[in-house]
Amino acid sequence: MLLFLTVLQAIIGALLVGVILMQKSEGGGLGVGGSPTGLMSARGAADFLTRATTILATLFVGLSIVLAALAAGHSSGQKIDTSLQRSAPAPVQQGPAAPNPGAPVANPAAPAGNPAAPATK
């Protein structure tokens, strides 16, 4: 039902845009002005397009309210799906690092107090 009403609203919206663009504006617009001797006079066309715009706009607004109410009622009792939510991995506790066999060996002759100080002779 919700999908059907959404498609219907899209169709009504497209028709509304088309009817609005066909109306003659003060600047000219895309007006479909006809001759007064034609099947539909300019005044009759303006009345028809104005009436069609009013009806389509009313349907569009009414359908928007109905869709909002249906969408709010449709999702009110649902839980949020957290199945794709990632949790941060727990930090891994590491003990003292084992010596790397390829690492350079510290100078065993350096004094123990300050390893950065140069060895004295």
N, C-alpha and C. Protein backbone atom coordinates (compact mmCIF):
# COMPACT_ATOMS: atom_id res chain seq x y z
N MET A 1 0.82 -1.18 0.00
CA MET A 1 0.00 0.00 0.00
C MET A 1 0.87 1.25 0.00
N LEU A 2 1.92 1.24 0.83
CA LEU A 2 2.81 2.39 0.92
C LEU A 2 3.53 2.62 -0.41
N LEU A 3 3.96 1.56 -1.06
CA LEU A 3 4.63 1.68 -2.35
C LEU A 3 3.68 2.21 -3.41
N PHE A 4 2.46 1.73 -3.43
CA PHE A 4 1.48 2.19 -4.40
C PHE A 4 1.21 3.69 -4.23
N LEU A 5 1.04 4.13 -2.99
CA LEU A 5 0.78 5.54 -2.74
C LEU A 5 1.98 6.41 -3.09
N THR A 6 3.17 5.88 -2.90
CA THR A 6 4.37 6.63 -3.25
C THR A 6 4.47 6.81 -4.76
N VAL A 7 4.17 5.75 -5.51
CA VAL A 7 4.18 5.85 -6.98
C VAL A 7 3.09 6.81 -7.44
N LEU A 8 1.93 6.74 -6.82
CA LEU A 8 0.84 7.63 -7.18
C LEU A 8 1.22 9.09 -6.90
N GLN A 9 1.91 9.34 -5.81
CA GLN A 9 2.33 10.70 -5.51
C GLN A 9 3.37 11.19 -6.53
N ALA A 10 4.25 10.32 -6.97
CA ALA A 10 5.23 10.70 -7.98
C ALA A 10 4.53 11.07 -9.30
N ILE A 11 3.52 10.31 -9.67
CA ILE A 11 2.76 10.61 -10.89
C ILE A 11 2.03 11.93 -10.75
N ILE A 12 1.39 12.15 -9.61
CA ILE A 12 0.67 13.40 -9.38
C ILE A 12 1.67 14.58 -9.38
N GLY A 13 2.83 14.39 -8.81
CA GLY A 13 3.85 15.45 -8.81
C GLY A 13 4.31 15.79 -10.22
N ALA A 14 4.51 14.77 -11.05
CA ALA A 14 4.92 15.01 -12.44
C ALA A 14 3.81 15.74 -13.21
N LEU A 15 2.56 15.33 -13.01
CA LEU A 15 1.44 16.02 -13.66
C LEU A 15 1.33 17.47 -13.18
N LEU A 16 1.56 17.69 -11.91
CA LEU A 16 1.49 19.04 -11.36
C LEU A 16 2.57 19.94 -11.98
N VAL A 17 3.76 19.42 -12.12
CA VAL A 17 4.83 20.19 -12.76
C VAL A 17 4.46 20.51 -14.21
N GLY A 18 3.93 19.52 -14.92
CA GLY A 18 3.53 19.75 -16.31
C GLY A 18 2.44 20.78 -16.45
N VAL A 19 1.43 20.72 -15.60
CA VAL A 19 0.32 21.68 -15.67
C VAL A 19 0.81 23.08 -15.32
N ILE A 20 1.69 23.20 -14.35
CA ILE A 20 2.22 24.51 -13.98
C ILE A 20 3.05 25.10 -15.12
N LEU A 21 3.84 24.28 -15.77
CA LEU A 21 4.66 24.78 -16.87
C LEU A 21 3.83 25.16 -18.10
N MET A 22 2.67 24.56 -18.26
CA MET A 22 1.82 24.90 -19.41
C MET A 22 1.08 26.23 -19.23
N GLN A 23 0.97 26.70 -18.01
CA GLN A 23 0.24 27.93 -17.78
C GLN A 23 1.01 29.12 -18.31
N LYS A 24 0.28 30.08 -18.80
CA LYS A 24 0.90 31.28 -19.33
C LYS A 24 1.19 32.20 -18.16
N SER A 25 2.45 32.55 -18.03
CA SER A 25 2.83 33.46 -16.95
C SER A 25 2.98 34.86 -17.52
N GLU A 26 3.28 35.80 -16.66
CA GLU A 26 3.43 37.17 -17.13
C GLU A 26 4.66 37.31 -18.01
N GLY A 27 5.64 36.44 -17.81
CA GLY A 27 6.85 36.50 -18.62
C GLY A 27 6.76 35.67 -19.88
N GLY A 28 5.68 35.03 -20.13
CA GLY A 28 5.53 34.21 -21.33
C GLY A 28 5.50 32.74 -20.97
N GLY A 29 6.54 32.23 -20.31
CA GLY A 29 6.59 30.82 -19.89
C GLY A 29 6.45 29.86 -21.05
N LEU A 30 5.91 28.69 -20.78
CA LEU A 30 5.66 27.69 -21.81
C LEU A 30 4.19 27.68 -22.19
N GLY A 31 3.54 28.79 -22.03
CA GLY A 31 2.09 28.88 -22.24
C GLY A 31 1.67 28.33 -23.59
N VAL A 32 0.56 27.66 -23.60
CA VAL A 32 0.03 27.07 -24.83
C VAL A 32 -1.11 27.94 -25.34
N GLY A 33 -0.84 29.20 -25.50
CA GLY A 33 -1.87 30.12 -25.94
C GLY A 33 -2.47 29.66 -27.26
N GLY A 34 -3.75 29.65 -27.34
CA GLY A 34 -4.42 29.24 -28.57
C GLY A 34 -5.18 30.40 -29.16
N SER A 35 -5.67 30.21 -30.36
CA SER A 35 -6.44 31.29 -30.96
C SER A 35 -7.84 31.30 -30.35
N PRO A 36 -8.48 32.48 -30.31
CA PRO A 36 -9.81 32.54 -29.71
C PRO A 36 -10.85 31.76 -30.52
N THR A 37 -10.54 31.44 -31.76
CA THR A 37 -11.51 30.70 -32.57
C THR A 37 -11.32 29.20 -32.44
N GLY A 38 -10.31 28.77 -31.70
CA GLY A 38 -10.03 27.34 -31.57
C GLY A 38 -11.04 26.62 -30.70
N LEU A 39 -10.78 25.35 -30.49
CA LEU A 39 -11.68 24.52 -29.70
C LEU A 39 -11.82 25.06 -28.28
N MET A 40 -10.68 25.50 -27.74
CA MET A 40 -10.70 26.01 -26.38
C MET A 40 -10.12 27.41 -26.42
N SER A 41 -10.84 28.39 -25.97
CA SER A 41 -10.34 29.76 -26.01
C SER A 41 -9.24 29.93 -24.97
N ALA A 42 -8.51 31.03 -25.06
CA ALA A 42 -7.40 31.29 -24.13
C ALA A 42 -7.93 31.39 -22.71
N ARG A 43 -9.08 32.00 -22.56
CA ARG A 43 -9.65 32.13 -21.22
C ARG A 43 -10.10 30.78 -20.69
N GLY A 44 -10.68 29.95 -21.54
CA GLY A 44 -11.12 28.62 -21.13
C GLY A 44 -9.94 27.74 -20.75
N ALA A 45 -8.84 27.87 -21.50
CA ALA A 45 -7.64 27.08 -21.19
C ALA A 45 -7.06 27.52 -19.85
N ALA A 46 -7.07 28.82 -19.59
CA ALA A 46 -6.53 29.32 -18.33
C ALA A 46 -7.37 28.83 -17.16
N ASP A 47 -8.68 28.84 -17.32
CA ASP A 47 -9.55 28.34 -16.25
C ASP A 47 -9.32 26.85 -16.00
N PHE A 48 -9.20 26.09 -17.09
CA PHE A 48 -8.99 24.64 -16.95
C PHE A 48 -7.65 24.36 -16.26
N LEU A 49 -6.58 25.05 -16.69
CA LEU A 49 -5.27 24.81 -16.10
C LEU A 49 -5.22 25.26 -14.64
N THR A 50 -5.90 26.35 -14.33
CA THR A 50 -5.95 26.80 -12.94
C THR A 50 -6.70 25.80 -12.07
N ARG A 51 -7.80 25.31 -12.58
CA ARG A 51 -8.58 24.31 -11.84
C ARG A 51 -7.78 23.01 -11.68
N ALA A 52 -7.11 22.59 -12.75
CA ALA A 52 -6.30 21.36 -12.68
C ALA A 52 -5.15 21.52 -11.69
N THR A 53 -4.54 22.70 -11.66
CA THR A 53 -3.45 22.94 -10.71
C THR A 53 -3.96 22.86 -9.28
N THR A 54 -5.12 23.45 -9.03
CA THR A 54 -5.68 23.42 -7.68
C THR A 54 -5.99 21.99 -7.24
N ILE A 55 -6.60 21.22 -8.14
CA ILE A 55 -6.96 19.84 -7.80
C ILE A 55 -5.71 18.99 -7.57
N LEU A 56 -4.72 19.11 -8.47
CA LEU A 56 -3.50 18.31 -8.33
C LEU A 56 -2.71 18.71 -7.08
N ALA A 57 -2.66 20.01 -6.78
CA ALA A 57 -1.93 20.45 -5.59
C ALA A 57 -2.61 19.95 -4.32
N THR A 58 -3.94 19.97 -4.31
CA THR A 58 -4.67 19.46 -3.14
C THR A 58 -4.44 17.96 -2.97
N LEU A 59 -4.48 17.23 -4.07
CA LEU A 59 -4.21 15.79 -4.00
C LEU A 59 -2.78 15.52 -3.52
N PHE A 60 -1.82 16.31 -4.01
CA PHE A 60 -0.42 16.11 -3.64
C PHE A 60 -0.21 16.34 -2.15
N VAL A 61 -0.76 17.43 -1.62
CA VAL A 61 -0.59 17.74 -0.20
C VAL A 61 -1.32 16.70 0.66
N GLY A 62 -2.53 16.34 0.27
CA GLY A 62 -3.28 15.34 1.03
C GLY A 62 -2.58 13.99 1.04
N LEU A 63 -2.05 13.61 -0.11
CA LEU A 63 -1.32 12.33 -0.21
C LEU A 63 -0.03 12.38 0.60
N SER A 64 0.61 13.54 0.65
CA SER A 64 1.82 13.67 1.46
C SER A 64 1.51 13.46 2.95
N ILE A 65 0.40 14.00 3.40
CA ILE A 65 0.01 13.82 4.81
C ILE A 65 -0.31 12.36 5.09
N VAL A 66 -1.03 11.71 4.17
CA VAL A 66 -1.37 10.29 4.36
C VAL A 66 -0.11 9.44 4.38
N LEU A 67 0.83 9.71 3.46
CA LEU A 67 2.07 8.93 3.43
C LEU A 67 2.89 9.14 4.69
N ALA A 68 2.93 10.35 5.21
CA ALA A 68 3.67 10.61 6.44
C ALA A 68 3.05 9.86 7.61
N ALA A 69 1.72 9.83 7.68
CA ALA A 69 1.05 9.11 8.76
C ALA A 69 1.28 7.61 8.64
N LEU A 70 1.22 7.08 7.42
CA LEU A 70 1.46 5.65 7.23
C LEU A 70 2.90 5.28 7.55
N ALA A 71 3.84 6.12 7.15
CA ALA A 71 5.25 5.82 7.42
C ALA A 71 5.55 5.88 8.91
N ALA A 72 4.93 6.81 9.62
CA ALA A 72 5.15 6.89 11.07
C ALA A 72 4.53 5.69 11.78
N GLY A 73 3.36 5.26 11.35
CA GLY A 73 2.71 4.10 11.96
C GLY A 73 3.39 2.80 11.59
N HIS A 74 3.98 2.77 10.41
CA HIS A 74 4.64 1.54 9.92
C HIS A 74 5.93 1.26 10.68
N SER A 75 6.66 2.29 11.06
CA SER A 75 7.96 2.08 11.69
C SER A 75 7.95 2.29 13.20
N SER A 76 6.80 2.51 13.81
CA SER A 76 6.78 2.83 15.24
C SER A 76 7.13 1.65 16.13
N GLY A 77 6.79 0.43 15.76
CA GLY A 77 7.02 -0.71 16.63
C GLY A 77 8.26 -1.51 16.28
N GLN A 78 9.09 -1.01 15.41
CA GLN A 78 10.25 -1.78 14.98
C GLN A 78 11.48 -1.39 15.79
N LYS A 79 12.35 -2.38 15.98
CA LYS A 79 13.63 -2.12 16.62
C LYS A 79 14.64 -1.74 15.56
N ILE A 80 15.66 -1.05 15.98
CA ILE A 80 16.73 -0.68 15.06
C ILE A 80 17.62 -1.90 14.87
N ASP A 81 17.91 -2.22 13.62
CA ASP A 81 18.75 -3.37 13.30
C ASP A 81 20.21 -3.01 13.53
N THR A 82 20.84 -3.69 14.46
CA THR A 82 22.24 -3.43 14.76
C THR A 82 23.13 -4.60 14.35
N SER A 83 22.65 -5.44 13.45
CA SER A 83 23.43 -6.61 13.09
C SER A 83 24.69 -6.25 12.30
N LEU A 84 24.70 -5.09 11.65
CA LEU A 84 25.87 -4.70 10.88
C LEU A 84 26.78 -3.74 11.64
N GLN A 85 26.43 -3.43 12.87
CA GLN A 85 27.22 -2.49 13.65
C GLN A 85 28.51 -3.17 14.10
N ARG A 86 29.61 -2.47 13.90
CA ARG A 86 30.91 -3.03 14.29
C ARG A 86 31.27 -2.49 15.66
N SER A 87 31.84 -3.37 16.46
CA SER A 87 32.32 -2.92 17.77
C SER A 87 33.84 -2.90 17.72
N ALA A 88 34.43 -2.02 18.50
CA ALA A 88 35.88 -1.90 18.52
C ALA A 88 36.46 -3.14 19.18
N PRO A 89 37.52 -3.70 18.60
CA PRO A 89 38.13 -4.88 19.22
C PRO A 89 38.79 -4.50 20.55
N ALA A 90 38.77 -5.44 21.48
CA ALA A 90 39.38 -5.21 22.79
C ALA A 90 40.88 -5.09 22.61
N PRO A 91 41.51 -4.18 23.36
CA PRO A 91 42.97 -4.04 23.23
C PRO A 91 43.67 -5.31 23.70
N VAL A 92 44.67 -5.70 22.97
CA VAL A 92 45.42 -6.91 23.28
C VAL A 92 46.55 -6.54 24.24
N GLN A 93 46.62 -7.25 25.37
CA GLN A 93 47.67 -7.01 26.35
C GLN A 93 48.93 -7.75 25.91
N GLN A 94 49.99 -7.00 25.73
CA GLN A 94 51.24 -7.63 25.33
C GLN A 94 52.26 -7.48 26.46
N GLY A 95 53.00 -8.52 26.65
CA GLY A 95 54.06 -8.49 27.65
C GLY A 95 55.29 -7.82 27.06
N PRO A 96 56.41 -7.92 27.75
CA PRO A 96 57.65 -7.34 27.21
C PRO A 96 57.98 -8.00 25.88
N ALA A 97 58.43 -7.19 24.98
CA ALA A 97 58.73 -7.69 23.64
C ALA A 97 59.95 -8.61 23.67
N ALA A 98 59.88 -9.67 22.93
CA ALA A 98 61.02 -10.58 22.83
C ALA A 98 62.08 -9.90 21.96
N PRO A 99 63.32 -10.15 22.24
CA PRO A 99 64.37 -9.51 21.44
C PRO A 99 64.29 -9.95 19.98
N ASN A 100 64.49 -8.99 19.14
CA ASN A 100 64.46 -9.26 17.71
C ASN A 100 65.83 -9.77 17.31
N PRO A 101 65.90 -10.94 16.70
CA PRO A 101 67.22 -11.49 16.37
C PRO A 101 67.97 -10.64 15.35
N GLY A 102 67.28 -9.85 14.55
CA GLY A 102 67.97 -9.05 13.54
C GLY A 102 68.29 -7.65 14.02
N ALA A 103 67.89 -7.29 15.26
CA ALA A 103 68.13 -5.93 15.75
C ALA A 103 69.57 -5.80 16.23
N PRO A 104 70.13 -4.59 16.11
CA PRO A 104 71.50 -4.42 16.62
C PRO A 104 71.54 -4.54 18.14
N VAL A 105 72.59 -5.07 18.63
CA VAL A 105 72.74 -5.30 20.07
C VAL A 105 73.29 -4.03 20.71
N ALA A 106 72.75 -3.71 21.89
CA ALA A 106 73.23 -2.53 22.62
C ALA A 106 74.65 -2.78 23.10
N ASN A 107 75.40 -1.71 23.29
CA ASN A 107 76.78 -1.79 23.76
C ASN A 107 76.79 -2.29 25.20
N PRO A 108 77.29 -3.50 25.45
CA PRO A 108 77.29 -4.02 26.81
C PRO A 108 78.27 -3.30 27.73
N ALA A 109 79.21 -2.53 27.16
CA ALA A 109 80.20 -1.84 27.98
C ALA A 109 79.68 -0.49 28.45
N ALA A 110 78.52 -0.05 27.98
CA ALA A 110 77.99 1.26 28.39
C ALA A 110 77.58 1.21 29.85
N PRO A 111 77.73 2.33 30.56
CA PRO A 111 77.34 2.34 31.97
C PRO A 111 75.84 2.17 32.10
N ALA A 112 75.43 1.53 33.16
CA ALA A 112 74.02 1.21 33.36
C ALA A 112 73.22 2.44 33.75
N GLY A 113 73.80 3.47 34.30
CA GLY A 113 73.08 4.64 34.77
C GLY A 113 72.47 5.44 33.63
N ASN A 114 73.23 5.73 32.60
CA ASN A 114 72.75 6.52 31.49
C ASN A 114 73.16 5.85 30.20
N PRO A 115 72.29 5.08 29.57
CA PRO A 115 72.70 4.34 28.39
C PRO A 115 72.97 5.25 27.20
N ALA A 116 72.48 6.49 27.21
CA ALA A 116 72.72 7.39 26.09
C ALA A 116 74.07 8.07 26.19
N ALA A 117 74.67 8.07 27.39
CA ALA A 117 75.96 8.74 27.57
C ALA A 117 77.07 7.91 26.93
N PRO A 118 78.03 8.60 26.36
CA PRO A 118 79.15 7.83 25.75
C PRO A 118 79.99 7.13 26.83
N ALA A 119 80.55 6.03 26.44
CA ALA A 119 81.37 5.26 27.40
C ALA A 119 82.65 6.03 27.70
N THR A 120 83.04 6.05 28.95
CA THR A 120 84.27 6.74 29.35
C THR A 120 85.41 5.75 29.39
N LYS A 121 86.60 6.24 29.07
CA LYS A 121 87.78 5.37 29.08
C LYS A 121 88.71 5.73 30.16
